[in-house]
Amino acid sequence: MPRDVERRRRLHRTDWMALLSGALFVVLGILVVTRAITDPLVLVGVMVLGLAFAGLVAIVARVVRGK
């Protein structure tokens, strides 16, 4: 039995840390599989810098949101 009650929709807030971290790992995986990055030290450096950037974006997004 369908309800005719109007409810306000709650929007899902974007989790920027998860989104950017996932994109980073997909890109790094592609680079490793295609052998574009062969040096493990470069891989770790790019990973750390990418995660730091994702964390910074997540912090800024949370401050802008006010939560």
N, C-alpha and C. Protein backbone atom coordinates (compact mmCIF):
# COMPACT_ATOMS: atom_id res chain seq x y z
N MET A 1 0.83 -1.16 0.00
CA MET A 1 0.00 0.00 0.00
C MET A 1 0.90 1.25 0.00
N PRO A 2 0.88 2.03 -1.06
CA PRO A 2 1.76 3.21 -1.14
C PRO A 2 1.28 4.33 -0.23
N ARG A 3 2.25 5.03 0.30
CA ARG A 3 1.93 6.16 1.16
C ARG A 3 1.98 7.45 0.34
N ASP A 4 1.11 8.37 0.67
CA ASP A 4 1.08 9.66 0.00
C ASP A 4 1.75 10.74 0.85
N VAL A 5 2.55 10.32 1.80
CA VAL A 5 3.19 11.27 2.70
C VAL A 5 4.45 11.82 2.02
N GLU A 6 4.53 13.12 1.98
CA GLU A 6 5.71 13.76 1.39
C GLU A 6 6.81 13.82 2.45
N ARG A 7 7.98 13.31 2.09
CA ARG A 7 9.13 13.38 2.99
C ARG A 7 10.22 14.19 2.32
N ARG A 8 10.93 14.93 3.13
CA ARG A 8 12.08 15.65 2.60
C ARG A 8 13.18 14.64 2.33
N ARG A 9 13.75 14.75 1.18
CA ARG A 9 14.85 13.85 0.84
C ARG A 9 16.13 14.36 1.47
N ARG A 10 16.84 13.44 2.07
CA ARG A 10 18.14 13.79 2.64
C ARG A 10 19.19 13.46 1.60
N LEU A 11 19.97 14.44 1.27
CA LEU A 11 21.01 14.24 0.27
C LEU A 11 22.22 13.56 0.89
N HIS A 12 22.79 12.68 0.13
CA HIS A 12 23.99 11.99 0.57
C HIS A 12 25.18 12.90 0.31
N ARG A 13 25.95 13.17 1.33
CA ARG A 13 27.12 14.02 1.17
C ARG A 13 28.28 13.21 0.60
N THR A 14 29.03 13.83 -0.26
CA THR A 14 30.15 13.15 -0.91
C THR A 14 31.28 12.95 0.09
N ASP A 15 31.77 11.73 0.17
CA ASP A 15 32.94 11.42 1.00
C ASP A 15 34.17 11.59 0.11
N TRP A 16 34.76 12.77 0.17
CA TRP A 16 35.86 13.11 -0.73
C TRP A 16 37.10 12.26 -0.48
N MET A 17 37.36 11.91 0.76
CA MET A 17 38.53 11.08 1.06
C MET A 17 38.40 9.72 0.39
N ALA A 18 37.24 9.11 0.51
CA ALA A 18 37.04 7.79 -0.09
C ALA A 18 37.05 7.86 -1.61
N LEU A 19 36.42 8.88 -2.16
CA LEU A 19 36.35 9.02 -3.61
C LEU A 19 37.74 9.23 -4.22
N LEU A 20 38.51 10.15 -3.66
CA LEU A 20 39.84 10.44 -4.20
C LEU A 20 40.82 9.31 -3.94
N SER A 21 40.71 8.66 -2.79
CA SER A 21 41.59 7.52 -2.50
C SER A 21 41.31 6.36 -3.46
N GLY A 22 40.05 6.10 -3.73
CA GLY A 22 39.70 5.05 -4.67
C GLY A 22 40.20 5.36 -6.07
N ALA A 23 40.04 6.61 -6.50
CA ALA A 23 40.54 7.00 -7.82
C ALA A 23 42.06 6.89 -7.88
N LEU A 24 42.73 7.26 -6.80
CA LEU A 24 44.19 7.15 -6.74
C LEU A 24 44.63 5.70 -6.89
N PHE A 25 44.01 4.80 -6.17
CA PHE A 25 44.42 3.40 -6.24
C PHE A 25 44.10 2.77 -7.60
N VAL A 26 43.01 3.20 -8.23
CA VAL A 26 42.71 2.71 -9.58
C VAL A 26 43.78 3.19 -10.56
N VAL A 27 44.12 4.47 -10.49
CA VAL A 27 45.14 5.01 -11.40
C VAL A 27 46.49 4.35 -11.14
N LEU A 28 46.86 4.19 -9.87
CA LEU A 28 48.14 3.53 -9.56
C LEU A 28 48.14 2.08 -10.03
N GLY A 29 47.02 1.41 -9.90
CA GLY A 29 46.92 0.04 -10.39
C GLY A 29 47.11 -0.03 -11.89
N ILE A 30 46.51 0.90 -12.61
CA ILE A 30 46.67 0.94 -14.06
C ILE A 30 48.13 1.22 -14.43
N LEU A 31 48.75 2.15 -13.72
CA LEU A 31 50.15 2.48 -14.01
C LEU A 31 51.08 1.30 -13.72
N VAL A 32 50.79 0.53 -12.70
CA VAL A 32 51.62 -0.63 -12.38
C VAL A 32 51.42 -1.73 -13.41
N VAL A 33 50.17 -1.99 -13.78
CA VAL A 33 49.88 -3.05 -14.74
C VAL A 33 50.47 -2.74 -16.11
N THR A 34 50.42 -1.47 -16.51
CA THR A 34 50.98 -1.09 -17.81
C THR A 34 52.49 -0.85 -17.74
N ARG A 35 53.06 -1.04 -16.58
CA ARG A 35 54.50 -0.85 -16.34
C ARG A 35 54.98 0.57 -16.62
N ALA A 36 54.11 1.54 -16.42
CA ALA A 36 54.50 2.94 -16.54
C ALA A 36 55.31 3.37 -15.31
N ILE A 37 55.04 2.75 -14.17
CA ILE A 37 55.83 2.96 -12.95
C ILE A 37 56.45 1.62 -12.58
N THR A 38 57.78 1.57 -12.58
CA THR A 38 58.46 0.32 -12.23
C THR A 38 59.23 0.44 -10.92
N ASP A 39 59.51 1.66 -10.49
CA ASP A 39 60.28 1.87 -9.27
C ASP A 39 59.33 1.89 -8.06
N PRO A 40 59.52 0.98 -7.10
CA PRO A 40 58.63 0.96 -5.93
C PRO A 40 58.69 2.24 -5.09
N LEU A 41 59.85 2.88 -5.07
CA LEU A 41 59.98 4.11 -4.29
C LEU A 41 59.12 5.23 -4.89
N VAL A 42 59.08 5.31 -6.21
CA VAL A 42 58.23 6.30 -6.88
C VAL A 42 56.77 5.98 -6.61
N LEU A 43 56.41 4.71 -6.65
CA LEU A 43 55.04 4.30 -6.40
C LEU A 43 54.59 4.69 -4.99
N VAL A 44 55.43 4.42 -4.01
CA VAL A 44 55.09 4.77 -2.62
C VAL A 44 55.00 6.28 -2.45
N GLY A 45 55.92 7.00 -3.08
CA GLY A 45 55.90 8.46 -2.99
C GLY A 45 54.63 9.06 -3.59
N VAL A 46 54.24 8.57 -4.76
CA VAL A 46 53.02 9.05 -5.40
C VAL A 46 51.80 8.70 -4.56
N MET A 47 51.82 7.50 -3.98
CA MET A 47 50.70 7.08 -3.14
C MET A 47 50.57 7.97 -1.91
N VAL A 48 51.68 8.24 -1.24
CA VAL A 48 51.63 9.08 -0.04
C VAL A 48 51.18 10.50 -0.38
N LEU A 49 51.72 11.06 -1.47
CA LEU A 49 51.31 12.40 -1.86
C LEU A 49 49.83 12.44 -2.27
N GLY A 50 49.38 11.40 -2.96
CA GLY A 50 47.97 11.34 -3.36
C GLY A 50 47.04 11.24 -2.16
N LEU A 51 47.42 10.43 -1.18
CA LEU A 51 46.58 10.31 0.02
C LEU A 51 46.60 11.59 0.84
N ALA A 52 47.74 12.27 0.86
CA ALA A 52 47.81 13.56 1.57
C ALA A 52 46.91 14.58 0.89
N PHE A 53 46.92 14.60 -0.43
CA PHE A 53 46.04 15.51 -1.17
C PHE A 53 44.58 15.18 -0.91
N ALA A 54 44.24 13.89 -0.92
CA ALA A 54 42.85 13.48 -0.66
C ALA A 54 42.43 13.89 0.75
N GLY A 55 43.32 13.74 1.72
CA GLY A 55 43.01 14.16 3.08
C GLY A 55 42.81 15.66 3.20
N LEU A 56 43.65 16.41 2.49
CA LEU A 56 43.52 17.87 2.50
C LEU A 56 42.18 18.30 1.90
N VAL A 57 41.82 17.70 0.79
CA VAL A 57 40.54 18.03 0.15
C VAL A 57 39.38 17.67 1.08
N ALA A 58 39.47 16.52 1.76
CA ALA A 58 38.41 16.11 2.68
C ALA A 58 38.28 17.08 3.85
N ILE A 59 39.40 17.56 4.36
CA ILE A 59 39.37 18.51 5.48
C ILE A 59 38.76 19.83 5.03
N VAL A 60 39.19 20.32 3.87
CA VAL A 60 38.65 21.58 3.36
C VAL A 60 37.15 21.45 3.09
N ALA A 61 36.73 20.33 2.54
CA ALA A 61 35.30 20.12 2.27
C ALA A 61 34.50 20.11 3.56
N ARG A 62 35.03 19.50 4.60
CA ARG A 62 34.32 19.45 5.88
C ARG A 62 34.23 20.84 6.51
N VAL A 63 35.30 21.63 6.39
CA VAL A 63 35.29 23.00 6.94
C VAL A 63 34.28 23.86 6.18
N VAL A 64 34.25 23.72 4.86
CA VAL A 64 33.32 24.50 4.05
C VAL A 64 31.88 24.11 4.37
N ARG A 65 31.65 22.81 4.58
CA ARG A 65 30.32 22.32 4.92
C ARG A 65 29.87 22.80 6.29
N GLY A 66 30.82 23.05 7.16
CA GLY A 66 30.49 23.51 8.50
C GLY A 66 30.24 22.40 9.49
N LYS A 67 30.82 21.25 9.24
CA LYS A 67 30.60 20.13 10.17
C LYS A 67 31.91 19.59 10.63
